């Protein structure tokens, strides 16, 4: 497994903890994820550990000025 190549290319996904449902849901970014070169998994790095809510991993979108990534 080649970890160094994956780490250099930057994360492909953001990791969020989501509390609530629908328009009332509160999303907090807590980390990043890198897809494996073979496409069968992820390496996940978290800056916080959730104690409630659900973990959501979403593909990163290009940054927009003034918006969240």
C-alpha atoms as a PDB file:
ATOM      1  CA  UNK A   1       0.000   0.000   0.000  1.00  0.00           C
ATOM      2  CA  UNK A   2       1.376   3.427  -0.972  1.00  0.00           C
ATOM      3  CA  UNK A   3       0.544   5.957   1.737  1.00  0.00           C
ATOM      4  CA  UNK A   4       3.006   8.689   0.739  1.00  0.00           C
ATOM      5  CA  UNK A   5       1.554   9.186  -2.760  1.00  0.00           C
ATOM      6  CA  UNK A   6      -1.994   9.532  -1.389  1.00  0.00           C
ATOM      7  CA  UNK A   7      -0.976  11.995   1.335  1.00  0.00           C
ATOM      8  CA  UNK A   8       0.751  14.339  -1.139  1.00  0.00           C
ATOM      9  CA  UNK A   9      -2.226  14.783  -3.460  1.00  0.00           C
ATOM     10  CA  UNK A  10      -4.510  16.259  -0.795  1.00  0.00           C
ATOM     11  CA  UNK A  11      -7.890  15.147   0.473  1.00  0.00           C
ATOM     12  CA  UNK A  12     -10.618  14.128  -1.960  1.00  0.00           C
ATOM     13  CA  UNK A  13     -13.444  14.378   0.606  1.00  0.00           C
ATOM     14  CA  UNK A  14     -14.490  16.396   3.663  1.00  0.00           C
ATOM     15  CA  UNK A  15     -15.766  14.723   6.841  1.00  0.00           C
ATOM     16  CA  UNK A  16     -18.672  16.255   8.760  1.00  0.00           C
ATOM     17  CA  UNK A  17     -20.707  15.474  11.854  1.00  0.00           C
ATOM     18  CA  UNK A  18     -24.370  16.205  11.108  1.00  0.00           C
ATOM     19  CA  UNK A  19     -26.916  16.779  13.849  1.00  0.00           C
ATOM     20  CA  UNK A  20     -30.595  17.112  12.993  1.00  0.00           C
ATOM     21  CA  UNK A  21     -32.476  16.551   9.767  1.00  0.00           C
ATOM     22  CA  UNK A  22     -33.346  18.487   6.620  1.00  0.00           C
ATOM     23  CA  UNK A  23     -33.151  22.271   6.648  1.00  0.00           C
ATOM     24  CA  UNK A  24     -32.624  22.235  10.431  1.00  0.00           C
ATOM     25  CA  UNK A  25     -29.488  20.056  10.234  1.00  0.00           C
ATOM     26  CA  UNK A  26     -26.288  21.490  11.665  1.00  0.00           C
ATOM     27  CA  UNK A  27     -23.104  20.461   9.757  1.00  0.00           C
ATOM     28  CA  UNK A  28     -19.666  20.744  11.391  1.00  0.00           C
ATOM     29  CA  UNK A  29     -16.528  19.917   9.415  1.00  0.00           C
ATOM     30  CA  UNK A  30     -14.315  17.700  11.565  1.00  0.00           C
ATOM     31  CA  UNK A  31     -11.796  16.267   9.113  1.00  0.00           C
ATOM     32  CA  UNK A  32     -10.728  15.127   5.676  1.00  0.00           C
ATOM     33  CA  UNK A  33     -10.533  11.874   3.745  1.00  0.00           C
ATOM     34  CA  UNK A  34      -8.327  10.602   0.934  1.00  0.00           C
ATOM     35  CA  UNK A  35      -9.585   7.932  -1.433  1.00  0.00           C
ATOM     36  CA  UNK A  36      -7.287   4.963  -1.954  1.00  0.00           C
ATOM     37  CA  UNK A  37      -5.646   4.698  -5.365  1.00  0.00           C
ATOM     38  CA  UNK A  38      -7.619   1.488  -6.051  1.00  0.00           C
ATOM     39  CA  UNK A  39     -10.912   3.256  -5.199  1.00  0.00           C
ATOM     40  CA  UNK A  40     -11.880   0.660  -2.578  1.00  0.00           C
ATOM     41  CA  UNK A  41     -11.497   2.715   0.604  1.00  0.00           C
ATOM     42  CA  UNK A  42     -10.433   5.890   2.384  1.00  0.00           C
ATOM     43  CA  UNK A  43      -7.856   7.184   4.822  1.00  0.00           C
ATOM     44  CA  UNK A  44      -9.653   9.478   7.276  1.00  0.00           C
ATOM     45  CA  UNK A  45      -8.066  12.184   9.440  1.00  0.00           C
ATOM     46  CA  UNK A  46     -10.266  13.744  12.125  1.00  0.00           C
ATOM     47  CA  UNK A  47      -9.612  16.862  14.189  1.00  0.00           C
ATOM     48  CA  UNK A  48     -12.496  16.041  16.560  1.00  0.00           C
ATOM     49  CA  UNK A  49     -14.367  12.940  17.676  1.00  0.00           C
ATOM     50  CA  UNK A  50     -18.155  13.147  17.554  1.00  0.00           C
ATOM     51  CA  UNK A  51     -20.240  11.959  20.498  1.00  0.00           C
ATOM     52  CA  UNK A  52     -23.613  12.477  18.815  1.00  0.00           C
ATOM     53  CA  UNK A  53     -25.033  12.896  15.322  1.00  0.00           C
ATOM     54  CA  UNK A  54     -23.948  11.049  12.211  1.00  0.00           C
ATOM     55  CA  UNK A  55     -20.658  11.032  10.334  1.00  0.00           C
ATOM     56  CA  UNK A  56     -20.958  12.164   6.696  1.00  0.00           C
ATOM     57  CA  UNK A  57     -18.168  12.012   4.094  1.00  0.00           C
ATOM     58  CA  UNK A  58     -18.722  14.210   1.035  1.00  0.00           C
ATOM     59  CA  UNK A  59     -16.630  14.790  -2.071  1.00  0.00           C
ATOM     60  CA  UNK A  60     -14.780  18.120  -1.869  1.00  0.00           C
ATOM     61  CA  UNK A  61     -16.086  20.924  -4.048  1.00  0.00           C
ATOM     62  CA  UNK A  62     -13.937  23.739  -5.436  1.00  0.00           C
ATOM     63  CA  UNK A  63     -13.653  26.562  -2.908  1.00  0.00           C
ATOM     64  CA  UNK A  64     -15.886  29.551  -3.524  1.00  0.00           C
ATOM     65  CA  UNK A  65     -14.904  32.969  -2.260  1.00  0.00           C
ATOM     66  CA  UNK A  66     -16.659  33.684   1.007  1.00  0.00           C
ATOM     67  CA  UNK A  67     -18.175  30.178   1.140  1.00  0.00           C
ATOM     68  CA  UNK A  68     -17.314  27.102   3.134  1.00  0.00           C
ATOM     69  CA  UNK A  69     -15.275  24.293   1.621  1.00  0.00           C
END
